[in-house]
Amino acid sequence: MNILGCMGKWGASQEQPQQLTQEEFSKLVMRIIKTASADTPVVEAAAATAQALGTQIGAMVGFGYVPGTALEDMLAAAHETVDTFARDTLAGLRA
């Protein structure tokens, strides 16, 4: 299960804004990449992005944003999500 599915499985907080469209989601991804990689070596940008993701996941679980969710479940879902996006990106680059 990816992280979006994991969030849906345990229900979202009533404070959560409406879900993004695919186009909005893609634009958000590009904003994050551009922000993280501006004038920064790619390895450091990836490490900072990973730290930011870990911080967000810890906070979501710690603050009860996804009630009843174990940290291990969220980490496994995040790992699967990163794996899927990395493989999809690599496949697209080879095409």
C-alpha atoms as a PDB file:
ATOM      1  CA  MET A   1       0.000   0.000   0.000  1.00  0.00           C
ATOM      2  CA  ASN A   2       1.412   3.413  -0.866  1.00  0.00           C
ATOM      3  CA  ILE A   3       1.345   6.382   1.484  1.00  0.00           C
ATOM      4  CA  LEU A   4      -1.769   7.906  -0.080  1.00  0.00           C
ATOM      5  CA  GLY A   5      -3.605   4.606   0.374  1.00  0.00           C
ATOM      6  CA  CYS A   6      -2.313   4.345   3.913  1.00  0.00           C
ATOM      7  CA  MET A   7      -3.693   7.794   4.712  1.00  0.00           C
ATOM      8  CA  GLY A   8      -7.078   6.832   3.265  1.00  0.00           C
ATOM      9  CA  LYS A   9      -7.155   3.500   5.100  1.00  0.00           C
ATOM     10  CA  TRP A  10      -7.065   5.139   8.492  1.00  0.00           C
ATOM     11  CA  GLY A  11      -9.241   8.052   7.520  1.00  0.00           C
ATOM     12  CA  ALA A  12      -8.247  11.640   7.206  1.00  0.00           C
ATOM     13  CA  SER A  13      -8.609  14.315   9.794  1.00  0.00           C
ATOM     14  CA  GLN A  14     -11.621  16.562   9.253  1.00  0.00           C
ATOM     15  CA  GLU A  15      -9.112  19.404   9.012  1.00  0.00           C
ATOM     16  CA  GLN A  16      -7.598  17.931   5.843  1.00  0.00           C
ATOM     17  CA  PRO A  17      -8.158  20.071   2.756  1.00  0.00           C
ATOM     18  CA  GLN A  18      -9.768  18.622  -0.336  1.00  0.00           C
ATOM     19  CA  GLN A  19      -7.551  16.147  -2.187  1.00  0.00           C
ATOM     20  CA  LEU A  20      -5.476  17.490  -5.051  1.00  0.00           C
ATOM     21  CA  THR A  21      -6.228  16.684  -8.657  1.00  0.00           C
ATOM     22  CA  GLN A  22      -3.542  14.783 -10.575  1.00  0.00           C
ATOM     23  CA  GLU A  23      -2.441  18.040 -12.223  1.00  0.00           C
ATOM     24  CA  GLU A  24      -2.252  19.866  -8.885  1.00  0.00           C
ATOM     25  CA  PHE A  25      -0.329  16.948  -7.381  1.00  0.00           C
ATOM     26  CA  SER A  26       2.179  16.955 -10.268  1.00  0.00           C
ATOM     27  CA  LYS A  27       2.677  20.710  -9.886  1.00  0.00           C
ATOM     28  CA  LEU A  28       3.259  20.292  -6.145  1.00  0.00           C
ATOM     29  CA  VAL A  29       5.858  17.600  -6.824  1.00  0.00           C
ATOM     30  CA  MET A  30       7.698  19.892  -9.222  1.00  0.00           C
ATOM     31  CA  ARG A  31       7.593  22.816  -6.751  1.00  0.00           C
ATOM     32  CA  ILE A  32       9.117  20.600  -4.058  1.00  0.00           C
ATOM     33  CA  ILE A  33      11.845  19.360  -6.424  1.00  0.00           C
ATOM     34  CA  LYS A  34      12.660  22.867  -7.656  1.00  0.00           C
ATOM     35  CA  THR A  35      12.792  24.231  -4.120  1.00  0.00           C
ATOM     36  CA  ALA A  36      14.967  21.400  -2.808  1.00  0.00           C
ATOM     37  CA  SER A  37      17.382  21.406  -5.734  1.00  0.00           C
ATOM     38  CA  ALA A  38      17.880  25.135  -6.306  1.00  0.00           C
ATOM     39  CA  ASP A  39      21.645  25.769  -6.127  1.00  0.00           C
ATOM     40  CA  THR A  40      22.093  22.509  -4.196  1.00  0.00           C
ATOM     41  CA  PRO A  41      23.972  19.347  -5.192  1.00  0.00           C
ATOM     42  CA  VAL A  42      21.520  16.597  -6.101  1.00  0.00           C
ATOM     43  CA  VAL A  43      22.644  14.213  -3.325  1.00  0.00           C
ATOM     44  CA  GLU A  44      22.154  16.843  -0.624  1.00  0.00           C
ATOM     45  CA  ALA A  45      18.796  17.817  -2.136  1.00  0.00           C
ATOM     46  CA  ALA A  46      17.654  14.184  -2.015  1.00  0.00           C
ATOM     47  CA  ALA A  47      18.875  13.798   1.570  1.00  0.00           C
ATOM     48  CA  ALA A  48      17.076  16.972   2.651  1.00  0.00           C
ATOM     49  CA  THR A  49      13.901  15.832   0.916  1.00  0.00           C
ATOM     50  CA  ALA A  50      14.139  12.468   2.694  1.00  0.00           C
ATOM     51  CA  GLN A  51      14.604  14.208   6.041  1.00  0.00           C
ATOM     52  CA  ALA A  52      11.603  16.430   5.326  1.00  0.00           C
ATOM     53  CA  LEU A  53       9.470  13.392   4.454  1.00  0.00           C
ATOM     54  CA  GLY A  54      10.575  11.575   7.601  1.00  0.00           C
ATOM     55  CA  THR A  55       9.759  14.638   9.678  1.00  0.00           C
ATOM     56  CA  GLN A  56       6.299  14.905   8.125  1.00  0.00           C
ATOM     57  CA  ILE A  57       5.556  11.218   8.679  1.00  0.00           C
ATOM     58  CA  GLY A  58       6.701  11.363  12.305  1.00  0.00           C
ATOM     59  CA  ALA A  59       4.588  14.451  12.896  1.00  0.00           C
ATOM     60  CA  MET A  60       1.502  12.956  11.224  1.00  0.00           C
ATOM     61  CA  VAL A  61       1.699   9.889  13.461  1.00  0.00           C
ATOM     62  CA  GLY A  62       2.841  11.782  16.571  1.00  0.00           C
ATOM     63  CA  PHE A  63       0.131  14.415  16.368  1.00  0.00           C
ATOM     64  CA  GLY A  64      -2.590  11.871  15.590  1.00  0.00           C
ATOM     65  CA  TYR A  65      -3.268  13.092  12.052  1.00  0.00           C
ATOM     66  CA  VAL A  66      -3.862   9.470  11.059  1.00  0.00           C
ATOM     67  CA  PRO A  67      -5.525   8.001  14.164  1.00  0.00           C
ATOM     68  CA  GLY A  68      -4.545   4.451  15.042  1.00  0.00           C
ATOM     69  CA  THR A  69      -1.695   4.347  12.562  1.00  0.00           C
ATOM     70  CA  ALA A  70       1.574   2.801  13.650  1.00  0.00           C
ATOM     71  CA  LEU A  71       4.781   4.523  12.610  1.00  0.00           C
ATOM     72  CA  GLU A  72       6.011   1.264  11.069  1.00  0.00           C
ATOM     73  CA  ASP A  73       2.952   1.100   8.802  1.00  0.00           C
ATOM     74  CA  MET A  74       3.473   4.678   7.618  1.00  0.00           C
ATOM     75  CA  LEU A  75       7.187   4.063   7.014  1.00  0.00           C
ATOM     76  CA  ALA A  76       6.444   0.921   5.014  1.00  0.00           C
ATOM     77  CA  ALA A  77       3.859   2.802   2.956  1.00  0.00           C
ATOM     78  CA  ALA A  78       6.302   5.676   2.375  1.00  0.00           C
ATOM     79  CA  HIS A  79       8.991   3.209   1.292  1.00  0.00           C
ATOM     80  CA  GLU A  80       6.636   1.593  -1.196  1.00  0.00           C
ATOM     81  CA  THR A  81       5.619   4.999  -2.537  1.00  0.00           C
ATOM     82  CA  VAL A  82       9.212   6.165  -3.023  1.00  0.00           C
ATOM     83  CA  ASP A  83      10.068   2.842  -4.670  1.00  0.00           C
ATOM     84  CA  THR A  84       7.144   3.113  -7.092  1.00  0.00           C
ATOM     85  CA  PHE A  85       7.838   6.737  -8.055  1.00  0.00           C
ATOM     86  CA  ALA A  86      11.568   6.057  -8.521  1.00  0.00           C
ATOM     87  CA  ARG A  87      10.892   3.061 -10.772  1.00  0.00           C
ATOM     88  CA  ASP A  88       8.250   4.971 -12.766  1.00  0.00           C
ATOM     89  CA  THR A  89      10.644   7.878 -13.253  1.00  0.00           C
ATOM     90  CA  LEU A  90      13.488   5.623 -14.372  1.00  0.00           C
ATOM     91  CA  ALA A  91      11.190   3.793 -16.793  1.00  0.00           C
ATOM     92  CA  GLY A  92      10.065   7.131 -18.231  1.00  0.00           C
ATOM     93  CA  LEU A  93      13.655   8.262 -18.704  1.00  0.00           C
ATOM     94  CA  ARG A  94      14.490   5.073 -20.595  1.00  0.00           C
ATOM     95  CA  ALA A  95      11.453   5.343 -22.853  1.00  0.00           C
END
